[in-house]
Amino acid sequence: QAQLVESGGGLVQAGGSLRLSCVASGSGFSTTGITWYRRDPGNRREPVAFISYTGRTNYADSVKGRFTISRDNAKNTVFLQMDSLNPRHPAFYFCGGLGSWGRGTQVTVSS
């Protein structure tokens, strides 16, 4: 079974940026879509961004224009570039795909 490992979270000031990475092990990465999710302090989980194996992308309305998802199939990695972060956006971000979930990475935004 594939494994997904996220990194890149941390503390950032309001208005700042972070770039998250989701590295997949195992086969099948280049032919499957990957989704970034976030779980907020209220424990609500929502899909944030999706990228298909062809590179087609979809975003939640709340992040359109500020977040960008991309992938590097040669490195089995999906990225989530997050810009213009604000204190309303702290959450636990994790990726899903290939029948697996990563453990996630925490994003905290200071005002």
PDB file of N, CA and C in Angstrom:
ATOM      1  N   GLN A   1       0.840  -1.185   0.000  1.00  0.00           N
ATOM      2  CA  GLN A   1       0.000   0.000   0.000  1.00  0.00           C
ATOM      3  C   GLN A   1       0.878   1.239   0.000  1.00  0.00           C
ATOM      4  N   ALA A   2       0.451   2.239  -0.764  1.00  0.00           N
ATOM      5  CA  ALA A   2       1.233   3.460  -0.848  1.00  0.00           C
ATOM      6  C   ALA A   2       1.210   4.204   0.475  1.00  0.00           C
ATOM      7  N   GLN A   3       2.253   4.966   0.716  1.00  0.00           N
ATOM      8  CA  GLN A   3       2.308   5.829   1.888  1.00  0.00           C
ATOM      9  C   GLN A   3       2.492   7.266   1.440  1.00  0.00           C
ATOM     10  N   LEU A   4       1.865   8.174   2.159  1.00  0.00           N
ATOM     11  CA  LEU A   4       1.963   9.593   1.854  1.00  0.00           C
ATOM     12  C   LEU A   4       2.548  10.308   3.065  1.00  0.00           C
ATOM     13  N   VAL A   5       3.511  11.170   2.827  1.00  0.00           N
ATOM     14  CA  VAL A   5       4.163  11.904   3.911  1.00  0.00           C
ATOM     15  C   VAL A   5       4.168  13.386   3.578  1.00  0.00           C
ATOM     16  N   GLU A   6       3.584  14.179   4.470  1.00  0.00           N
ATOM     17  CA  GLU A   6       3.503  15.618   4.258  1.00  0.00           C
ATOM     18  C   GLU A   6       4.622  16.330   5.015  1.00  0.00           C
ATOM     19  N   SER A   7       4.969  17.484   4.505  1.00  0.00           N
ATOM     20  CA  SER A   7       5.932  18.343   5.186  1.00  0.00           C
ATOM     21  C   SER A   7       5.700  19.775   4.736  1.00  0.00           C
ATOM     22  N   GLY A   8       6.347  20.701   5.440  1.00  0.00           N
ATOM     23  CA  GLY A   8       6.291  22.097   5.033  1.00  0.00           C
ATOM     24  C   GLY A   8       5.421  22.981   5.896  1.00  0.00           C
ATOM     25  N   GLY A   9       4.719  22.404   6.852  1.00  0.00           N
ATOM     26  CA  GLY A   9       3.888  23.217   7.720  1.00  0.00           C
ATOM     27  C   GLY A   9       4.736  23.987   8.716  1.00  0.00           C
ATOM     28  N   GLY A  10       4.067  24.850   9.481  1.00  0.00           N
ATOM     29  CA  GLY A  10       4.782  25.629  10.486  1.00  0.00           C
ATOM     30  C   GLY A  10       4.019  26.873  10.851  1.00  0.00           C
ATOM     31  N   LEU A  11       4.734  27.798  11.458  1.00  0.00           N
ATOM     32  CA  LEU A  11       4.161  29.064  11.900  1.00  0.00           C
ATOM     33  C   LEU A  11       4.521  30.142  10.893  1.00  0.00           C
ATOM     34  N   VAL A  12       3.529  30.904  10.475  1.00  0.00           N
ATOM     35  CA  VAL A  12       3.752  31.970   9.512  1.00  0.00           C
ATOM     36  C   VAL A  12       2.936  33.182   9.930  1.00  0.00           C
ATOM     37  N   GLN A  13       3.443  34.360   9.608  1.00  0.00           N
ATOM     38  CA  GLN A  13       2.703  35.575   9.923  1.00  0.00           C
ATOM     39  C   GLN A  13       1.568  35.774   8.926  1.00  0.00           C
ATOM     40  N   ALA A  14       0.577  36.486   9.366  1.00  0.00           N
ATOM     41  CA  ALA A  14      -0.546  36.799   8.488  1.00  0.00           C
ATOM     42  C   ALA A  14      -0.036  37.460   7.212  1.00  0.00           C
ATOM     43  N   GLY A  15      -0.576  37.028   6.098  1.00  0.00           N
ATOM     44  CA  GLY A  15      -0.137  37.540   4.811  1.00  0.00           C
ATOM     45  C   GLY A  15       1.011  36.763   4.205  1.00  0.00           C
ATOM     46  N   GLY A  16       1.577  35.862   4.979  1.00  0.00           N
ATOM     47  CA  GLY A  16       2.720  35.100   4.515  1.00  0.00           C
ATOM     48  C   GLY A  16       2.343  33.892   3.688  1.00  0.00           C
ATOM     49  N   SER A  17       3.363  33.127   3.349  1.00  0.00           N
ATOM     50  CA  SER A  17       3.176  31.967   2.476  1.00  0.00           C
ATOM     51  C   SER A  17       3.861  30.741   3.053  1.00  0.00           C
ATOM     52  N   LEU A  18       3.350  29.609   2.674  1.00  0.00           N
ATOM     53  CA  LEU A  18       3.976  28.326   2.970  1.00  0.00           C
ATOM     54  C   LEU A  18       3.796  27.421   1.765  1.00  0.00           C
ATOM     55  N   ARG A  19       4.727  26.498   1.615  1.00  0.00           N
ATOM     56  CA  ARG A  19       4.616  25.508   0.556  1.00  0.00           C
ATOM     57  C   ARG A  19       4.651  24.127   1.197  1.00  0.00           C
ATOM     58  N   LEU A  20       3.568  23.409   1.070  1.00  0.00           N
ATOM     59  CA  LEU A  20       3.477  22.059   1.600  1.00  0.00           C
ATOM     60  C   LEU A  20       3.853  21.046   0.526  1.00  0.00           C
ATOM     61  N   SER A  21       4.412  19.932   0.983  1.00  0.00           N
ATOM     62  CA  SER A  21       4.765  18.837   0.078  1.00  0.00           C
ATOM     63  C   SER A  21       4.115  17.551   0.549  1.00  0.00           C
ATOM     64  N   CYS A  22       3.732  16.746  -0.394  1.00  0.00           N
ATOM     65  CA  CYS A  22       3.159  15.422  -0.118  1.00  0.00           C
ATOM     66  C   CYS A  22       3.924  14.435  -0.991  1.00  0.00           C
ATOM     67  N   VAL A  23       4.751  13.613  -0.352  1.00  0.00           N
ATOM     68  CA  VAL A  23       5.579  12.643  -1.074  1.00  0.00           C
ATOM     69  C   VAL A  23       4.955  11.267  -0.955  1.00  0.00           C
ATOM     70  N   ALA A  24       4.786  10.618  -2.083  1.00  0.00           N
ATOM     71  CA  ALA A  24       4.169   9.293  -2.112  1.00  0.00           C
ATOM     72  C   ALA A  24       5.212   8.217  -2.368  1.00  0.00           C
ATOM     73  N   SER A  25       5.093   7.125  -1.656  1.00  0.00           N
ATOM     74  CA  SER A  25       5.923   5.956  -1.935  1.00  0.00           C
ATOM     75  C   SER A  25       5.049   4.879  -2.545  1.00  0.00           C
ATOM     76  N   GLY A  26       5.651   3.958  -3.232  1.00  0.00           N
ATOM     77  CA  GLY A  26       4.879   2.919  -3.876  1.00  0.00           C
ATOM     78  C   GLY A  26       4.568   3.272  -5.309  1.00  0.00           C
ATOM     79  N   SER A  27       3.910   2.381  -5.981  1.00  0.00           N
ATOM     80  CA  SER A  27       3.628   2.574  -7.403  1.00  0.00           C
ATOM     81  C   SER A  27       2.276   3.237  -7.610  1.00  0.00           C
ATOM     82  N   GLY A  28       2.088   3.746  -8.810  1.00  0.00           N
ATOM     83  CA  GLY A  28       0.786   4.279  -9.185  1.00  0.00           C
ATOM     84  C   GLY A  28       0.635   5.776  -9.068  1.00  0.00           C
ATOM     85  N   PHE A  29       1.636   6.448  -8.541  1.00  0.00           N
ATOM     86  CA  PHE A  29       1.486   7.892  -8.294  1.00  0.00           C
ATOM     87  C   PHE A  29       1.190   8.653  -9.575  1.00  0.00           C
ATOM     88  N   SER A  30       1.921   8.333 -10.641  1.00  0.00           N
ATOM     89  CA  SER A  30       1.806   9.122 -11.862  1.00  0.00           C
ATOM     90  C   SER A  30       0.473   8.924 -12.575  1.00  0.00           C
ATOM     91  N   THR A  31      -0.329   7.971 -12.139  1.00  0.00           N
ATOM     92  CA  THR A  31      -1.614   7.717 -12.785  1.00  0.00           C
ATOM     93  C   THR A  31      -2.788   7.910 -11.851  1.00  0.00           C
ATOM     94  N   THR A  32      -2.603   8.679 -10.792  1.00  0.00           N
ATOM     95  CA  THR A  32      -3.700   8.902  -9.861  1.00  0.00           C
ATOM     96  C   THR A  32      -3.740  10.357  -9.410  1.00  0.00           C
ATOM     97  N   GLY A  33      -4.942  10.807  -9.041  1.00  0.00           N
ATOM     98  CA  GLY A  33      -5.090  12.144  -8.510  1.00  0.00           C
ATOM     99  C   GLY A  33      -4.811  12.192  -7.019  1.00  0.00           C
ATOM    100  N   ILE A  34      -4.414  13.357  -6.552  1.00  0.00           N
ATOM    101  CA  ILE A  34      -4.119  13.579  -5.144  1.00  0.00           C
ATOM    102  C   ILE A  34      -4.906  14.796  -4.668  1.00  0.00           C
ATOM    103  N   THR A  35      -5.436  14.698  -3.471  1.00  0.00           N
ATOM    104  CA  THR A  35      -6.198  15.788  -2.873  1.00  0.00           C
ATOM    105  C   THR A  35      -5.525  16.267  -1.591  1.00  0.00           C
ATOM    106  N   TRP A  36      -5.460  17.575  -1.424  1.00  0.00           N
ATOM    107  CA  TRP A  36      -5.070  18.163  -0.147  1.00  0.00           C
ATOM    108  C   TRP A  36      -6.352  18.490   0.622  1.00  0.00           C
ATOM    109  N   TYR A  37      -6.337  18.115   1.909  1.00  0.00           N
ATOM    110  CA  TYR A  37      -7.443  18.410   2.796  1.00  0.00           C
ATOM    111  C   TYR A  37      -6.928  19.247   3.963  1.00  0.00           C
ATOM    112  N   ARG A  38      -7.854  19.846   4.683  1.00  0.00           N
ATOM    113  CA  ARG A  38      -7.476  20.452   5.945  1.00  0.00           C
ATOM    114  C   ARG A  38      -8.577  20.185   6.969  1.00  0.00           C
ATOM    115  N   ARG A  39      -8.109  20.077   8.213  1.00  0.00           N
ATOM    116  CA  ARG A  39      -9.016  19.900   9.345  1.00  0.00           C
ATOM    117  C   ARG A  39      -8.821  21.087  10.243  1.00  0.00           C
ATOM    118  N   ASP A  40      -9.896  21.832  10.489  1.00  0.00           N
ATOM    119  CA  ASP A  40      -9.763  23.061  11.257  1.00  0.00           C
ATOM    120  C   ASP A  40      -9.903  22.778  12.743  1.00  0.00           C
ATOM    121  N   PRO A  41      -9.703  23.808  13.602  1.00  0.00           N
ATOM    122  CA  PRO A  41      -9.794  23.581  15.050  1.00  0.00           C
ATOM    123  C   PRO A  41     -11.146  23.038  15.485  1.00  0.00           C
ATOM    124  N   GLY A  42     -12.187  23.258  14.697  1.00  0.00           N
ATOM    125  CA  GLY A  42     -13.487  22.686  14.992  1.00  0.00           C
ATOM    126  C   GLY A  42     -13.637  21.268  14.501  1.00  0.00           C
ATOM    127  N   ASN A  43     -12.542  20.685  14.020  1.00  0.00           N
ATOM    128  CA  ASN A  43     -12.502  19.302  13.537  1.00  0.00           C
ATOM    129  C   ASN A  43     -13.313  19.087  12.268  1.00  0.00           C
ATOM    130  N   ARG A  44     -13.552  20.167  11.557  1.00  0.00           N
ATOM    131  CA  ARG A  44     -14.228  20.025  10.263  1.00  0.00           C
ATOM    132  C   ARG A  44     -13.177  19.740   9.200  1.00  0.00           C
ATOM    133  N   ARG A  45     -13.409  18.748   8.371  1.00  0.00           N
ATOM    134  CA  ARG A  45     -12.486  18.404   7.299  1.00  0.00           C
ATOM    135  C   ARG A  45     -13.065  18.863   5.978  1.00  0.00           C
ATOM    136  N   GLU A  46     -12.240  19.501   5.197  1.00  0.00           N
ATOM    137  CA  GLU A  46     -12.697  19.920   3.884  1.00  0.00           C
ATOM    138  C   GLU A  46     -11.597  19.698   2.854  1.00  0.00           C
ATOM    139  N   PRO A  47     -11.983  19.310   1.647  1.00  0.00           N
ATOM    140  CA  PRO A  47     -10.991  19.243   0.566  1.00  0.00           C
ATOM    141  C   PRO A  47     -10.598  20.653   0.172  1.00  0.00           C
ATOM    142  N   VAL A  48      -9.339  20.865  -0.002  1.00  0.00           N
ATOM    143  CA  VAL A  48      -8.821  22.189  -0.324  1.00  0.00           C
ATOM    144  C   VAL A  48      -8.485  22.287  -1.806  1.00  0.00           C
ATOM    145  N   ALA A  49      -7.781  21.283  -2.308  1.00  0.00           N
ATOM    146  CA  ALA A  49      -7.357  21.327  -3.703  1.00  0.00           C
ATOM    147  C   ALA A  49      -7.117  19.904  -4.199  1.00  0.00           C
ATOM    148  N   PHE A  50      -7.364  19.727  -5.486  1.00  0.00           N
ATOM    149  CA  PHE A  50      -7.187  18.427  -6.112  1.00  0.00           C
ATOM    150  C   PHE A  50      -6.404  18.593  -7.403  1.00  0.00           C
ATOM    151  N   ILE A  51      -5.535  17.606  -7.668  1.00  0.00           N
ATOM    152  CA  ILE A  51      -4.848  17.602  -8.954  1.00  0.00           C
ATOM    153  C   ILE A  51      -4.937  16.199  -9.531  1.00  0.00           C
ATOM    154  N   SER A  52      -5.374  16.107 -10.763  1.00  0.00           N
ATOM    155  CA  SER A  52      -5.470  14.807 -11.417  1.00  0.00           C
ATOM    156  C   SER A  52      -4.098  14.388 -11.935  1.00  0.00           C
ATOM    157  N   TYR A  53      -4.018  13.153 -12.438  1.00  0.00           N
ATOM    158  CA  TYR A  53      -2.731  12.699 -12.941  1.00  0.00           C
ATOM    159  C   TYR A  53      -2.342  13.434 -14.228  1.00  0.00           C
ATOM    160  N   THR A  54      -3.330  14.067 -14.877  1.00  0.00           N
ATOM    161  CA  THR A  54      -3.033  14.847 -16.075  1.00  0.00           C
ATOM    162  C   THR A  54      -2.689  16.300 -15.755  1.00  0.00           C
ATOM    163  N   GLY A  55      -2.847  16.671 -14.475  1.00  0.00           N
ATOM    164  CA  GLY A  55      -2.554  18.041 -14.079  1.00  0.00           C
ATOM    165  C   GLY A  55      -3.776  18.945 -13.985  1.00  0.00           C
ATOM    166  N   ARG A  56      -4.937  18.402 -14.220  1.00  0.00           N
ATOM    167  CA  ARG A  56      -6.157  19.203 -14.048  1.00  0.00           C
ATOM    168  C   ARG A  56      -6.347  19.481 -12.552  1.00  0.00           C
ATOM    169  N   THR A  57      -6.762  20.705 -12.247  1.00  0.00           N
ATOM    170  CA  THR A  57      -6.870  21.104 -10.840  1.00  0.00           C
ATOM    171  C   THR A  57      -8.270  21.605 -10.493  1.00  0.00           C
ATOM    172  N   ASN A  58      -8.620  21.447  -9.235  1.00  0.00           N
ATOM    173  CA  ASN A  58      -9.847  22.001  -8.663  1.00  0.00           C
ATOM    174  C   ASN A  58      -9.519  22.557  -7.286  1.00  0.00           C
ATOM    175  N   TYR A  59     -10.221  23.640  -6.915  1.00  0.00           N
ATOM    176  CA  TYR A  59      -9.970  24.280  -5.631  1.00  0.00           C
ATOM    177  C   TYR A  59     -11.276  24.552  -4.906  1.00  0.00           C
ATOM    178  N   ALA A  60     -11.189  24.534  -3.585  1.00  0.00           N
ATOM    179  CA  ALA A  60     -12.312  25.016  -2.789  1.00  0.00           C
ATOM    180  C   ALA A  60     -12.452  26.516  -3.037  1.00  0.00           C
ATOM    181  N   ASP A  61     -13.687  27.004  -3.006  1.00  0.00           N
ATOM    182  CA  ASP A  61     -13.918  28.428  -3.253  1.00  0.00           C
ATOM    183  C   ASP A  61     -13.135  29.300  -2.274  1.00  0.00           C
ATOM    184  N   SER A  62     -12.949  28.815  -1.063  1.00  0.00           N
ATOM    185  CA  SER A  62     -12.298  29.608  -0.024  1.00  0.00           C
ATOM    186  C   SER A  62     -10.811  29.844  -0.286  1.00  0.00           C
ATOM    187  N   VAL A  63     -10.208  29.065  -1.191  1.00  0.00           N
ATOM    188  CA  VAL A  63      -8.772  29.218  -1.430  1.00  0.00           C
ATOM    189  C   VAL A  63      -8.435  29.605  -2.861  1.00  0.00           C
ATOM    190  N   LYS A  64      -9.427  29.713  -3.704  1.00  0.00           N
ATOM    191  CA  LYS A  64      -9.164  30.073  -5.100  1.00  0.00           C
ATOM    192  C   LYS A  64      -8.446  31.416  -5.183  1.00  0.00           C
ATOM    193  N   GLY A  65      -7.415  31.451  -5.988  1.00  0.00           N
ATOM    194  CA  GLY A  65      -6.640  32.668  -6.157  1.00  0.00           C
ATOM    195  C   GLY A  65      -5.514  32.821  -5.150  1.00  0.00           C
ATOM    196  N   ARG A  66      -5.520  32.025  -4.101  1.00  0.00           N
ATOM    197  CA  ARG A  66      -4.463  32.120  -3.087  1.00  0.00           C
ATOM    198  C   ARG A  66      -3.644  30.847  -2.970  1.00  0.00           C
ATOM    199  N   PHE A  67      -4.235  29.702  -3.240  1.00  0.00           N
ATOM    200  CA  PHE A  67      -3.529  28.427  -3.159  1.00  0.00           C
ATOM    201  C   PHE A  67      -3.310  27.873  -4.566  1.00  0.00           C
ATOM    202  N   THR A  68      -2.181  27.209  -4.746  1.00  0.00           N
ATOM    203  CA  THR A  68      -1.876  26.568  -6.019  1.00  0.00           C
ATOM    204  C   THR A  68      -1.362  25.165  -5.771  1.00  0.00           C
ATOM    205  N   ILE A  69      -2.010  24.198  -6.406  1.00  0.00           N
ATOM    206  CA  ILE A  69      -1.561  22.811  -6.294  1.00  0.00           C
ATOM    207  C   ILE A  69      -0.803  22.445  -7.566  1.00  0.00           C
ATOM    208  N   SER A  70       0.257  21.673  -7.400  1.00  0.00           N
ATOM    209  CA  SER A  70       1.048  21.239  -8.545  1.00  0.00           C
ATOM    210  C   SER A  70       1.652  19.877  -8.214  1.00  0.00           C
ATOM    211  N   ARG A  71       2.224  19.247  -9.206  1.00  0.00           N
ATOM    212  CA  ARG A  71       2.827  17.943  -8.968  1.00  0.00           C
ATOM    213  C   ARG A  71       4.083  17.768  -9.790  1.00  0.00           C
ATOM    214  N   ASP A  72       4.965  16.927  -9.269  1.00  0.00           N
ATOM    215  CA  ASP A  72       6.192  16.535  -9.954  1.00  0.00           C
ATOM    216  C   ASP A  72       6.209  15.017  -9.948  1.00  0.00           C
ATOM    217  N   ASN A  73       5.791  14.430 -11.049  1.00  0.00           N
ATOM    218  CA  ASN A  73       5.688  12.977 -11.094  1.00  0.00           C
ATOM    219  C   ASN A  73       7.051  12.287 -10.985  1.00  0.00           C
ATOM    220  N   ALA A  74       8.094  12.956 -11.423  1.00  0.00           N
ATOM    221  CA  ALA A  74       9.429  12.363 -11.328  1.00  0.00           C
ATOM    222  C   ALA A  74       9.866  12.206  -9.876  1.00  0.00           C
ATOM    223  N   LYS A  75       9.284  13.034  -8.993  1.00  0.00           N
ATOM    224  CA  LYS A  75       9.632  12.982  -7.570  1.00  0.00           C
ATOM    225  C   LYS A  75       8.499  12.442  -6.718  1.00  0.00           C
ATOM    226  N   ASN A  76       7.441  11.929  -7.374  1.00  0.00           N
ATOM    227  CA  ASN A  76       6.286  11.412  -6.624  1.00  0.00           C
ATOM    228  C   ASN A  76       5.787  12.410  -5.586  1.00  0.00           C
ATOM    229  N   THR A  77       5.712  13.657  -5.963  1.00  0.00           N
ATOM    230  CA  THR A  77       5.396  14.712  -5.006  1.00  0.00           C
ATOM    231  C   THR A  77       4.304  15.636  -5.538  1.00  0.00           C
ATOM    232  N   VAL A  78       3.402  15.992  -4.641  1.00  0.00           N
ATOM    233  CA  VAL A  78       2.402  17.022  -4.911  1.00  0.00           C
ATOM    234  C   VAL A  78       2.652  18.177  -3.956  1.00  0.00           C
ATOM    235  N   PHE A  79       2.587  19.385  -4.472  1.00  0.00           N
ATOM    236  CA  PHE A  79       2.837  20.573  -3.678  1.00  0.00           C
ATOM    237  C   PHE A  79       1.549  21.377  -3.500  1.00  0.00           C
ATOM    238  N   LEU A  80       1.509  22.114  -2.410  1.00  0.00           N
ATOM    239  CA  LEU A  80       0.433  23.072  -2.200  1.00  0.00           C
ATOM    240  C   LEU A  80       1.069  24.387  -1.777  1.00  0.00           C
ATOM    241  N   GLN A  81       1.071  25.340  -2.702  1.00  0.00           N
ATOM    242  CA  GLN A  81       1.586  26.674  -2.415  1.00  0.00           C
ATOM    243  C   GLN A  81       0.447  27.489  -1.834  1.00  0.00           C
ATOM    244  N   MET A  82       0.652  27.993  -0.634  1.00  0.00           N
ATOM    245  CA  MET A  82      -0.385  28.751   0.059  1.00  0.00           C
ATOM    246  C   MET A  82       0.095  30.178   0.267  1.00  0.00           C
ATOM    247  N   ASP A  83      -0.574  31.115  -0.324  1.00  0.00           N
ATOM    248  CA  ASP A  83      -0.232  32.527  -0.212  1.00  0.00           C
ATOM    249  C   ASP A  83      -1.337  33.290   0.504  1.00  0.00           C
ATOM    250  N   SER A  84      -0.970  34.477   0.989  1.00  0.00           N
ATOM    251  CA  SER A  84      -1.935  35.348   1.666  1.00  0.00           C
ATOM    252  C   SER A  84      -2.665  34.626   2.795  1.00  0.00           C
ATOM    253  N   LEU A  85      -1.915  33.911   3.596  1.00  0.00           N
ATOM    254  CA  LEU A  85      -2.519  33.193   4.717  1.00  0.00           C
ATOM    255  C   LEU A  85      -2.989  34.182   5.771  1.00  0.00           C
ATOM    256  N   ASN A  86      -4.066  33.851   6.438  1.00  0.00           N
ATOM    257  CA  ASN A  86      -4.546  34.730   7.497  1.00  0.00           C
ATOM    258  C   ASN A  86      -4.902  33.896   8.722  1.00  0.00           C
ATOM    259  N   PRO A  87      -5.074  34.565   9.869  1.00  0.00           N
ATOM    260  CA  PRO A  87      -5.289  33.822  11.122  1.00  0.00           C
ATOM    261  C   PRO A  87      -6.546  32.966  11.122  1.00  0.00           C
ATOM    262  N   ARG A  88      -7.418  33.154  10.168  1.00  0.00           N
ATOM    263  CA  ARG A  88      -8.598  32.290  10.087  1.00  0.00           C
ATOM    264  C   ARG A  88      -8.269  30.961   9.442  1.00  0.00           C
ATOM    265  N   HIS A  89      -7.018  30.789   8.973  1.00  0.00           N
ATOM    266  CA  HIS A  89      -6.677  29.607   8.219  1.00  0.00           C
ATOM    267  C   HIS A  89      -5.828  28.575   8.942  1.00  0.00           C
ATOM    268  N   PRO A  90      -5.683  28.649  10.261  1.00  0.00           N
ATOM    269  CA  PRO A  90      -4.895  27.592  10.889  1.00  0.00           C
ATOM    270  C   PRO A  90      -5.610  26.272  10.737  1.00  0.00           C
ATOM    271  N   ALA A  91      -4.873  25.266  10.445  1.00  0.00           N
ATOM    272  CA  ALA A  91      -5.499  23.967  10.256  1.00  0.00           C
ATOM    273  C   ALA A  91      -4.425  22.907  10.128  1.00  0.00           C
ATOM    274  N   PHE A  92      -4.890  21.722  10.198  1.00  0.00           N
ATOM    275  CA  PHE A  92      -4.041  20.560   9.998  1.00  0.00           C
ATOM    276  C   PHE A  92      -4.250  20.106   8.563  1.00  0.00           C
ATOM    277  N   TYR A  93      -3.186  20.147   7.774  1.00  0.00           N
ATOM    278  CA  TYR A  93      -3.288  19.821   6.360  1.00  0.00           C
ATOM    279  C   TYR A  93      -2.753  18.419   6.113  1.00  0.00           C
ATOM    280  N   PHE A  94      -3.464  17.669   5.314  1.00  0.00           N
ATOM    281  CA  PHE A  94      -2.998  16.330   4.966  1.00  0.00           C
ATOM    282  C   PHE A  94      -3.431  16.001   3.545  1.00  0.00           C
ATOM    283  N   CYS A  95      -2.748  15.050   2.937  1.00  0.00           N
ATOM    284  CA  CYS A  95      -3.051  14.678   1.565  1.00  0.00           C
ATOM    285  C   CYS A  95      -3.628  13.270   1.520  1.00  0.00           C
ATOM    286  N   GLY A  96      -4.376  13.019   0.477  1.00  0.00           N
ATOM    287  CA  GLY A  96      -5.003  11.710   0.317  1.00  0.00           C
ATOM    288  C   GLY A  96      -4.972  11.279  -1.132  1.00  0.00           C
ATOM    289  N   GLY A  97      -4.813   9.968  -1.330  1.00  0.00           N
ATOM    290  CA  GLY A  97      -4.789   9.400  -2.662  1.00  0.00           C
ATOM    291  C   GLY A  97      -4.143   8.034  -2.610  1.00  0.00           C
ATOM    292  N   LEU A  98      -4.268   7.299  -3.702  1.00  0.00           N
ATOM    293  CA  LEU A  98      -3.685   5.958  -3.761  1.00  0.00           C
ATOM    294  C   LEU A  98      -4.202   5.068  -2.636  1.00  0.00           C
ATOM    295  N   GLY A  99      -5.398   5.360  -2.162  1.00  0.00           N
ATOM    296  CA  GLY A  99      -5.973   4.568  -1.085  1.00  0.00           C
ATOM    297  C   GLY A  99      -5.358   4.829   0.268  1.00  0.00           C
ATOM    298  N   SER A 100      -4.615   5.915   0.405  1.00  0.00           N
ATOM    299  CA  SER A 100      -3.933   6.205   1.664  1.00  0.00           C
ATOM    300  C   SER A 100      -4.133   7.658   2.088  1.00  0.00           C
ATOM    301  N   TRP A 101      -3.828   7.900   3.352  1.00  0.00           N
ATOM    302  CA  TRP A 101      -3.825   9.251   3.905  1.00  0.00           C
ATOM    303  C   TRP A 101      -2.479   9.483   4.563  1.00  0.00           C
ATOM    304  N   GLY A 102      -2.022  10.720   4.471  1.00  0.00           N
ATOM    305  CA  GLY A 102      -0.815  11.040   5.204  1.00  0.00           C
ATOM    306  C   GLY A 102      -1.153  11.411   6.632  1.00  0.00           C
ATOM    307  N   ARG A 103      -0.117  11.586   7.449  1.00  0.00           N
ATOM    308  CA  ARG A 103      -0.326  11.973   8.845  1.00  0.00           C
ATOM    309  C   ARG A 103      -0.580  13.453   8.985  1.00  0.00           C
ATOM    310  N   GLY A 104      -0.183  14.234   8.001  1.00  0.00           N
ATOM    311  CA  GLY A 104      -0.498  15.639   7.997  1.00  0.00           C
ATOM    312  C   GLY A 104       0.583  16.530   8.557  1.00  0.00           C
ATOM    313  N   THR A 105       0.357  17.829   8.387  1.00  0.00           N
ATOM    314  CA  THR A 105       1.286  18.839   8.871  1.00  0.00           C
ATOM    315  C   THR A 105       0.478  20.054   9.325  1.00  0.00           C
ATOM    316  N   GLN A 106       0.901  20.635  10.456  1.00  0.00           N
ATOM    317  CA  GLN A 106       0.140  21.723  11.057  1.00  0.00           C
ATOM    318  C   GLN A 106       0.557  23.066  10.469  1.00  0.00           C
ATOM    319  N   VAL A 107      -0.426  23.884  10.178  1.00  0.00           N
ATOM    320  CA  VAL A 107      -0.185  25.251   9.716  1.00  0.00           C
ATOM    321  C   VAL A 107      -0.813  26.202  10.726  1.00  0.00           C
ATOM    322  N   THR A 108       0.014  27.093  11.269  1.00  0.00           N
ATOM    323  CA  THR A 108      -0.457  28.083  12.230  1.00  0.00           C
ATOM    324  C   THR A 108      -0.135  29.470  11.695  1.00  0.00           C
ATOM    325  N   VAL A 109      -1.109  30.361  11.757  1.00  0.00           N
ATOM    326  CA  VAL A 109      -0.940  31.711  11.226  1.00  0.00           C
ATOM    327  C   VAL A 109      -1.086  32.708  12.372  1.00  0.00           C
ATOM    328  N   SER A 110      -0.062  33.510  12.588  1.00  0.00           N
ATOM    329  CA  SER A 110      -0.099  34.501  13.658  1.00  0.00           C
ATOM    330  C   SER A 110      -0.563  35.845  13.113  1.00  0.00           C
ATOM    331  N   SER A 111      -1.258  36.590  13.941  1.00  0.00           N
ATOM    332  CA  SER A 111      -1.786  37.899  13.505  1.00  0.00           C
ATOM    333  C   SER A 111      -0.784  38.998  13.797  1.00  0.00           C
TER     334      SER A 111
END
